[in-house]
Amino acid sequence: MTQPVETHEECCRVATTTCPCPACGNNGRKVKPVTLDNHIPNPMREEIGEDATFCLNPDCEVVYCNPQGKTVKRGQTKLPVTIKDLDDDILVCYCFEHKRGDLRRDIKEKGKTDIPDQIRKGVQEGRCDCERKNPQGACCLGNVAGSIKQIQEELDNPIFGKDINSA
């Protein structure tokens, strides 16, 4: 069984690497084989090997790459990826299965969300499996906070959701 951790920061410590993404040039986050095993279908999984990084650029189509230039792109992973796909049906927390739409619903209905607190509680109880379940191989709380901020900005913007051609 996973050992409980005191804070979410303990499961968020994943170093970036100097292996740049071949598409955008950004440095990525090193991911372990267990992450790759859970998110890349065969035979692509075999081709990417054991030494791969997650591209942290949300605008880049590459999800994973290796030093030899092999890539796995958006749409080629087993599940959509939080920072690469912005639909409300996309998971923002893979361990506890919270979707972007759950955040949006809470913020619309209550003006806030307690989902980050629920995630922190699960982490402290040792129920997270970020390294395996999250395509980034690390804690989701940064992505959750970013999604909350984005949703709040969208909801605060009076133009959001309107068709500019109908204005």
Protein backbone atom coordinates (compact mmCIF):
# COMPACT_ATOMS: atom_id res chain seq x y z
CA MET A 1 0.00 0.00 0.00
CA THR A 2 1.13 3.54 -0.71
CA GLN A 3 2.62 5.39 2.25
CA PRO A 4 0.60 8.47 3.30
CA VAL A 5 2.34 11.77 2.63
CA GLU A 6 2.10 14.87 4.77
CA THR A 7 1.54 17.37 1.94
CA HIS A 8 0.80 17.30 -1.76
CA GLU A 9 4.20 18.91 -2.40
CA GLU A 10 5.85 15.58 -1.54
CA CYS A 11 4.25 13.88 -4.54
CA CYS A 12 4.77 16.92 -6.80
CA ARG A 13 8.58 16.86 -6.77
CA VAL A 14 9.41 15.81 -10.31
CA ALA A 15 12.35 17.48 -11.98
CA THR A 16 12.24 18.88 -15.47
CA THR A 17 14.81 17.51 -17.85
CA THR A 18 17.07 18.99 -20.46
CA CYS A 19 15.72 16.75 -23.24
CA PRO A 20 13.81 19.30 -25.33
CA CYS A 21 10.58 18.51 -27.10
CA PRO A 22 11.35 18.01 -30.81
CA ALA A 23 8.21 19.97 -31.80
CA CYS A 24 8.29 23.05 -29.55
CA GLY A 25 11.78 23.00 -28.00
CA ASN A 26 10.54 23.26 -24.39
CA ASN A 27 12.14 21.15 -21.70
CA GLY A 28 9.86 18.43 -20.41
CA ARG A 29 9.18 16.61 -17.18
CA LYS A 30 10.85 13.22 -16.82
CA VAL A 31 8.29 10.44 -16.44
CA LYS A 32 8.82 6.93 -15.16
CA PRO A 33 8.05 3.75 -17.09
CA VAL A 34 4.96 3.12 -14.92
CA THR A 35 3.47 6.39 -16.25
CA LEU A 36 4.26 5.48 -19.83
CA ASP A 37 2.89 1.94 -19.37
CA ASN A 38 -0.44 3.33 -18.22
CA HIS A 39 -0.88 5.98 -20.91
CA ILE A 40 0.72 4.83 -24.16
CA PRO A 41 -0.79 1.98 -26.17
CA ASN A 42 1.42 -0.67 -27.74
CA PRO A 43 3.32 -0.72 -30.08
CA MET A 44 3.97 3.00 -29.47
CA ARG A 45 4.87 2.19 -25.87
CA GLU A 46 7.70 -0.06 -27.01
CA GLU A 47 8.96 2.57 -29.48
CA ILE A 48 9.19 5.38 -26.89
CA GLY A 49 11.33 3.22 -24.58
CA GLU A 50 12.05 3.81 -20.89
CA ASP A 51 13.65 7.28 -21.08
CA ALA A 52 10.91 9.78 -21.93
CA THR A 53 9.60 13.18 -20.93
CA PHE A 54 6.20 14.83 -20.80
CA CYS A 55 6.01 18.06 -22.83
CA LEU A 56 4.69 20.76 -20.49
CA ASN A 57 3.69 23.15 -23.29
CA PRO A 58 -0.14 23.10 -23.44
CA ASP A 59 -0.11 24.37 -27.03
CA CYS A 60 2.23 21.65 -28.28
CA GLU A 61 0.74 18.52 -29.85
CA VAL A 62 3.47 16.33 -28.34
CA VAL A 63 2.60 14.59 -25.07
CA TYR A 64 5.70 12.39 -24.67
CA CYS A 65 9.09 12.37 -26.36
CA ASN A 66 12.41 10.64 -25.93
CA PRO A 67 16.01 11.71 -26.61
CA GLN A 68 15.92 9.92 -29.98
CA GLY A 69 13.07 12.18 -31.16
CA LYS A 70 10.26 9.61 -30.97
CA THR A 71 6.98 11.23 -29.96
CA VAL A 72 3.48 10.39 -28.77
CA LYS A 73 1.05 13.14 -29.71
CA ARG A 74 -2.29 14.42 -28.49
CA GLY A 75 -4.94 11.86 -29.42
CA GLN A 76 -2.47 8.96 -29.37
CA THR A 77 -2.57 8.43 -25.59
CA LYS A 78 -5.04 6.09 -23.92
CA LEU A 79 -6.83 9.05 -22.27
CA PRO A 80 -7.03 12.75 -23.11
CA VAL A 81 -4.46 14.84 -21.23
CA THR A 82 -5.48 17.71 -18.92
CA ILE A 83 -3.12 20.40 -20.20
CA LYS A 84 -3.46 19.36 -23.84
CA ASP A 85 -7.26 18.98 -24.02
CA LEU A 86 -9.54 21.67 -22.57
CA ASP A 87 -13.00 20.10 -22.78
CA ASP A 88 -15.14 19.89 -19.65
CA ASP A 89 -15.20 16.07 -20.00
CA ILE A 90 -11.42 15.85 -19.46
CA LEU A 91 -10.07 14.68 -16.12
CA VAL A 92 -8.13 17.27 -14.12
CA CYS A 93 -7.46 14.69 -11.38
CA TYR A 94 -6.87 11.17 -12.59
CA CYS A 95 -6.61 9.57 -9.13
CA PHE A 96 -9.98 10.75 -7.85
CA GLU A 97 -11.61 11.23 -11.28
CA HIS A 98 -12.53 14.91 -11.07
CA LYS A 99 -13.29 16.51 -14.43
CA ARG A 100 -12.93 20.11 -15.57
CA GLY A 101 -16.73 20.18 -15.80
CA ASP A 102 -16.97 19.31 -12.09
CA LEU A 103 -14.89 22.41 -11.31
CA ARG A 104 -17.03 24.54 -13.63
CA ARG A 105 -20.29 23.26 -12.09
CA ASP A 106 -19.08 24.00 -8.54
CA ILE A 107 -17.88 27.48 -9.45
CA LYS A 108 -21.11 28.30 -11.30
CA GLU A 109 -23.35 26.95 -8.52
CA LYS A 110 -21.37 27.89 -5.40
CA GLY A 111 -18.86 30.48 -6.57
CA LYS A 112 -16.03 28.17 -5.46
CA THR A 113 -15.00 24.52 -5.38
CA ASP A 114 -13.74 22.23 -2.64
CA ILE A 115 -12.26 19.74 -5.12
CA PRO A 116 -8.64 20.77 -4.34
CA ASP A 117 -9.33 20.11 -0.64
CA GLN A 118 -10.80 16.70 -1.49
CA ILE A 119 -7.67 15.87 -3.50
CA ARG A 120 -5.33 17.06 -0.71
CA LYS A 121 -7.23 14.91 1.78
CA GLY A 122 -6.91 11.86 -0.49
CA VAL A 123 -3.18 12.52 -0.90
CA GLN A 124 -2.69 12.81 2.87
CA GLU A 125 -4.56 9.52 3.30
CA GLY A 126 -2.21 7.85 0.82
CA ARG A 127 -4.94 7.17 -1.74
CA CYS A 128 -3.30 8.92 -4.69
CA ASP A 129 -1.43 7.17 -7.48
CA CYS A 130 -0.30 10.19 -9.47
CA GLU A 131 2.84 8.61 -10.84
CA ARG A 132 0.80 5.92 -12.58
CA LYS A 133 -2.58 7.55 -13.22
CA ASN A 134 -1.67 11.12 -14.21
CA PRO A 135 -0.16 11.34 -17.72
CA GLN A 136 2.29 13.90 -16.32
CA GLY A 137 3.46 11.38 -13.73
CA ALA A 138 3.01 13.89 -10.90
CA CYS A 139 0.42 15.51 -8.66
CA CYS A 140 -2.47 17.23 -10.44
CA LEU A 141 -3.02 20.10 -8.00
CA GLY A 142 -1.14 22.60 -10.16
CA ASN A 143 -3.34 21.72 -13.13
CA VAL A 144 -6.45 21.88 -10.94
CA ALA A 145 -5.50 25.37 -9.72
CA GLY A 146 -4.82 26.47 -13.30
CA SER A 147 -8.16 25.10 -14.47
CA ILE A 148 -10.00 26.86 -11.64
CA LYS A 149 -8.34 30.16 -12.55
CA GLN A 150 -9.17 29.71 -16.23
CA ILE A 151 -12.81 28.84 -15.49
CA GLN A 152 -13.18 31.82 -13.15
CA GLU A 153 -11.76 34.13 -15.83
CA GLU A 154 -14.13 32.66 -18.43
CA LEU A 155 -17.15 33.07 -16.16
CA ASP A 156 -16.14 36.63 -15.22
CA ASN A 157 -15.75 37.61 -18.88
CA PRO A 158 -19.14 38.81 -20.22
CA ILE A 159 -18.13 37.88 -23.79
CA PHE A 160 -17.31 34.26 -22.89
CA GLY A 161 -19.73 31.81 -24.42
CA LYS A 162 -21.25 34.32 -26.85
CA ASP A 163 -21.03 33.88 -30.58
CA ILE A 164 -19.29 37.04 -31.77
CA ASN A 165 -21.19 36.85 -35.06
CA SER A 166 -24.52 37.16 -33.22
CA ALA A 167 -23.49 40.26 -31.25
